[in-house]
Amino acid sequence: MSVMAATAHSSPTTPGPQPGLRERKKIKTRIAIREATYRLIREQGYDATTVEQIAEAAEVSPSTVFRYFPAKEDIVLTDEYDALLEEELRARPLDEPWFDSLRHVLTKAIGLGTAEEPEVTRLRTRLMVEIPAVRSRMMESMSVTGRLLCRAIGERVGRDPDSLEVRVFAMSLIGGLLETSLYWAEGGHQEDFAEVVERAVNVLEHGLPVAKRS
């Protein structure tokens, strides 16, 4: 689960060996549960949507829903992008400036989400703003993504992934992306999200610019 769930499509296609039958069935079930959830939330709102209704709409049992997603909030937030983004960061040229690599990975993640499922992207970020339980669950999940990011960043910059510096930077990045998603949703998704993320990354790279005084 990651903050990039706000910007990533839920069923990415990645190169490499195709999954087996059992894994394809799992993916199909997860997608069915997610799509049923999004449809019900659009129709009747988040709070009114129950796991039992989701299960019925997805043609599975409530226990199956909980087997894939421990809580209703997880259906909205969980994605499969953490590993993909970690791989993308590792694959960047070693002589590429660090923040250029970071921008490339974030741009790819944003493109995957906003281009393929713009309505789902907007719904997810809106729920993060409007539903305290969703926002709280997202913040709980940040530590998991943070550990993955620490590992990738540590390898990329030649530092111990458990060092204070790497941990502070990784969690600053994740927290910044969370706030970026909230900011975008609070503004009614009017701004271009890629540009908003670019502004956020610039703050991380250069620090907070001081406003000019008249």
Protein backbone atom coordinates (compact mmCIF):
# COMPACT_ATOMS: atom_id res chain seq x y z
CA MET A 1 0.00 0.00 0.00
CA SER A 2 1.43 3.42 -0.79
CA VAL A 3 0.81 7.07 -1.16
CA MET A 4 1.27 6.47 -4.88
CA ALA A 5 -2.06 4.72 -4.78
CA ALA A 6 -3.48 8.17 -5.24
CA THR A 7 -1.91 8.39 -8.66
CA ALA A 8 -1.45 4.83 -9.85
CA HIS A 9 -3.73 2.53 -11.80
CA SER A 10 -4.65 -0.61 -9.88
CA SER A 11 -3.66 -3.26 -12.42
CA PRO A 12 -0.43 -2.29 -14.19
CA THR A 13 0.98 -4.27 -17.07
CA THR A 14 4.68 -4.97 -16.56
CA PRO A 15 7.16 -6.74 -18.80
CA GLY A 16 8.42 -10.20 -17.96
CA PRO A 17 6.87 -13.65 -17.47
CA GLN A 18 3.09 -13.77 -17.47
CA PRO A 19 1.46 -14.83 -14.18
CA GLY A 20 0.06 -18.33 -13.82
CA LEU A 21 -3.62 -19.22 -13.74
CA ARG A 22 -3.92 -18.94 -9.98
CA GLU A 23 -2.28 -15.54 -9.92
CA ARG A 24 -4.44 -14.33 -12.82
CA LYS A 25 -7.54 -15.36 -10.88
CA LYS A 26 -6.32 -13.40 -7.87
CA ILE A 27 -5.69 -10.32 -10.00
CA LYS A 28 -9.12 -10.66 -11.59
CA THR A 29 -10.76 -10.91 -8.17
CA ARG A 30 -8.90 -7.87 -6.83
CA ILE A 31 -9.92 -5.83 -9.87
CA ALA A 32 -13.56 -6.94 -9.55
CA ILE A 33 -13.63 -5.91 -5.89
CA ARG A 34 -12.06 -2.54 -6.63
CA GLU A 35 -14.36 -1.77 -9.55
CA ALA A 36 -17.43 -2.73 -7.54
CA THR A 37 -16.26 -0.51 -4.70
CA TYR A 38 -15.66 2.50 -6.92
CA ARG A 39 -19.04 2.06 -8.61
CA LEU A 40 -20.92 1.83 -5.31
CA ILE A 41 -19.08 4.81 -3.83
CA ARG A 42 -19.98 6.93 -6.85
CA GLU A 43 -23.61 5.87 -6.58
CA GLN A 44 -24.20 6.13 -2.82
CA GLY A 45 -21.12 7.55 -1.12
CA TYR A 46 -18.30 6.00 0.87
CA ASP A 47 -19.95 5.69 4.28
CA ALA A 48 -23.10 4.09 2.87
CA THR A 49 -21.10 1.46 1.00
CA THR A 50 -20.66 -1.73 3.03
CA VAL A 51 -18.33 -4.68 2.54
CA GLU A 52 -21.40 -6.89 2.11
CA GLN A 53 -22.61 -4.72 -0.76
CA ILE A 54 -19.16 -4.75 -2.32
CA ALA A 55 -18.99 -8.53 -2.08
CA GLU A 56 -22.39 -8.94 -3.72
CA ALA A 57 -21.53 -6.54 -6.53
CA ALA A 58 -18.19 -8.27 -7.14
CA GLU A 59 -19.86 -11.71 -6.93
CA VAL A 60 -17.62 -12.91 -4.10
CA SER A 61 -18.15 -13.54 -0.40
CA PRO A 62 -17.45 -10.91 2.30
CA SER A 63 -14.70 -13.19 3.63
CA THR A 64 -13.05 -13.08 0.20
CA VAL A 65 -13.10 -9.29 0.26
CA PHE A 66 -11.41 -9.29 3.65
CA ARG A 67 -8.89 -11.87 2.48
CA TYR A 68 -7.71 -9.48 -0.22
CA PHE A 69 -8.27 -6.23 1.67
CA PRO A 70 -8.18 -6.26 5.52
CA ALA A 71 -10.26 -3.06 5.72
CA LYS A 72 -12.60 -1.16 3.43
CA GLU A 73 -10.12 1.68 3.26
CA ASP A 74 -7.54 -0.69 1.82
CA ILE A 75 -9.70 -1.31 -1.25
CA VAL A 76 -9.33 2.34 -2.14
CA LEU A 77 -5.68 2.69 -1.20
CA THR A 78 -3.91 -0.57 -1.99
CA ASP A 79 -1.96 -0.84 -5.22
CA GLU A 80 0.78 -2.96 -6.77
CA TYR A 81 3.09 -0.11 -7.67
CA ASP A 82 5.58 -0.05 -4.82
CA ALA A 83 7.75 -2.81 -6.29
CA LEU A 84 7.46 -1.37 -9.81
CA LEU A 85 8.59 2.08 -8.71
CA GLU A 86 11.44 0.58 -6.71
CA GLU A 87 12.60 -1.29 -9.81
CA GLU A 88 12.31 1.84 -11.96
CA LEU A 89 14.47 3.80 -9.54
CA ARG A 90 17.11 1.07 -9.49
CA ALA A 91 17.14 0.91 -13.29
CA ARG A 92 18.09 4.56 -13.79
CA PRO A 93 21.68 5.26 -14.98
CA LEU A 94 24.11 5.57 -12.08
CA ASP A 95 25.58 8.77 -13.52
CA GLU A 96 22.16 10.43 -13.78
CA PRO A 97 21.65 13.25 -11.26
CA TRP A 98 19.69 11.90 -8.29
CA PHE A 99 16.70 14.23 -8.56
CA ASP A 100 16.47 13.63 -12.31
CA SER A 101 16.04 9.93 -11.55
CA LEU A 102 13.42 10.72 -8.95
CA ARG A 103 11.49 12.95 -11.33
CA HIS A 104 11.54 10.25 -14.00
CA VAL A 105 10.06 7.65 -11.65
CA LEU A 106 7.37 9.97 -10.32
CA THR A 107 6.46 11.13 -13.82
CA LYS A 108 6.01 7.52 -14.92
CA ALA A 109 3.81 6.73 -11.93
CA ILE A 110 1.65 9.78 -12.56
CA GLY A 111 1.34 8.96 -16.24
CA LEU A 112 0.22 5.40 -15.52
CA GLY A 113 -2.56 6.62 -13.27
CA THR A 114 -3.89 9.84 -14.71
CA ALA A 115 -3.80 8.65 -18.31
CA GLU A 116 -5.55 5.30 -17.80
CA GLU A 117 -7.99 5.94 -14.96
CA PRO A 118 -8.43 9.69 -14.38
CA GLU A 119 -11.81 9.25 -12.69
CA VAL A 120 -10.44 6.70 -10.24
CA THR A 121 -7.45 8.94 -9.50
CA ARG A 122 -9.74 11.84 -8.67
CA LEU A 123 -12.03 9.64 -6.59
CA ARG A 124 -9.16 8.25 -4.54
CA THR A 125 -7.70 11.65 -3.74
CA ARG A 126 -11.13 13.11 -2.98
CA LEU A 127 -11.79 10.32 -0.48
CA MET A 128 -8.44 11.03 1.14
CA VAL A 129 -9.62 14.58 1.77
CA GLU A 130 -13.22 13.86 2.75
CA ILE A 131 -13.00 10.60 4.73
CA PRO A 132 -10.83 10.68 7.88
CA ALA A 133 -10.62 6.87 8.00
CA VAL A 134 -9.16 6.74 4.48
CA ARG A 135 -6.63 9.46 5.26
CA SER A 136 -5.68 7.78 8.53
CA ARG A 137 -5.19 4.42 6.84
CA MET A 138 -3.04 6.06 4.19
CA MET A 139 -0.80 7.56 6.85
CA GLU A 140 -0.48 4.16 8.54
CA SER A 141 0.70 2.63 5.28
CA MET A 142 3.39 5.23 4.72
CA SER A 143 5.92 3.39 6.90
CA VAL A 144 5.69 0.30 4.66
CA THR A 145 6.34 2.27 1.49
CA GLY A 146 8.99 4.25 3.32
CA ARG A 147 11.03 1.13 4.01
CA LEU A 148 10.94 0.12 0.35
CA LEU A 149 11.95 3.61 -0.68
CA CYS A 150 14.77 3.68 1.88
CA ARG A 151 16.20 0.53 0.37
CA ALA A 152 16.07 1.88 -3.18
CA ILE A 153 17.42 5.30 -2.21
CA GLY A 154 20.21 3.82 -0.11
CA GLU A 155 21.39 1.71 -3.03
CA ARG A 156 21.13 4.63 -5.42
CA VAL A 157 23.16 7.09 -3.34
CA GLY A 158 25.50 4.60 -1.68
CA ARG A 159 24.21 5.01 1.87
CA ASP A 160 22.95 2.65 4.52
CA PRO A 161 19.14 2.40 3.98
CA ASP A 162 18.69 2.47 7.77
CA SER A 163 20.73 5.63 8.20
CA LEU A 164 19.02 8.68 9.62
CA GLU A 165 19.66 10.72 6.49
CA VAL A 166 18.07 8.19 4.12
CA ARG A 167 15.09 7.60 6.42
CA VAL A 168 14.43 11.30 6.84
CA PHE A 169 14.63 11.93 3.10
CA ALA A 170 12.42 8.95 2.19
CA MET A 171 9.70 9.84 4.66
CA SER A 172 9.90 13.51 3.68
CA LEU A 173 9.29 12.47 0.10
CA ILE A 174 6.32 10.26 0.98
CA GLY A 175 4.83 12.87 3.27
CA GLY A 176 5.30 15.48 0.58
CA LEU A 177 3.54 13.33 -2.00
CA LEU A 178 0.67 12.78 0.41
CA GLU A 179 0.28 16.50 0.93
CA THR A 180 0.57 17.06 -2.81
CA SER A 181 -2.34 14.67 -3.43
CA LEU A 182 -4.42 16.36 -0.73
CA TYR A 183 -3.62 19.82 -2.10
CA TRP A 184 -4.63 18.75 -5.61
CA ALA A 185 -7.92 17.27 -4.42
CA GLU A 186 -8.75 20.22 -2.17
CA GLY A 187 -8.44 22.43 -5.24
CA GLY A 188 -11.01 20.36 -7.09
CA HIS A 189 -8.37 18.71 -9.32
CA GLN A 190 -8.20 21.87 -11.39
CA GLU A 191 -4.42 22.07 -11.63
CA ASP A 192 -2.29 19.75 -13.73
CA PHE A 193 -1.17 17.09 -11.28
CA ALA A 194 2.21 16.54 -12.94
CA GLU A 195 2.99 20.23 -12.51
CA VAL A 196 1.93 20.12 -8.86
CA VAL A 197 4.23 17.15 -8.23
CA GLU A 198 7.06 18.96 -10.00
CA ARG A 199 6.61 21.91 -7.63
CA ALA A 200 6.69 19.54 -4.65
CA VAL A 201 9.90 17.86 -5.84
CA ASN A 202 11.48 21.28 -6.36
CA VAL A 203 10.80 22.12 -2.72
CA LEU A 204 12.48 18.89 -1.62
CA GLU A 205 15.47 19.58 -3.85
CA HIS A 206 15.97 23.30 -3.26
CA GLY A 207 14.15 24.01 0.01
CA LEU A 208 11.27 26.37 0.66
CA PRO A 209 11.62 29.57 -1.35
CA VAL A 210 11.15 32.76 0.60
CA ALA A 211 8.34 34.98 -0.65
CA LYS A 212 9.36 38.38 -1.92
CA ARG A 213 8.22 41.20 0.32
CA SER A 214 6.68 44.26 -1.18
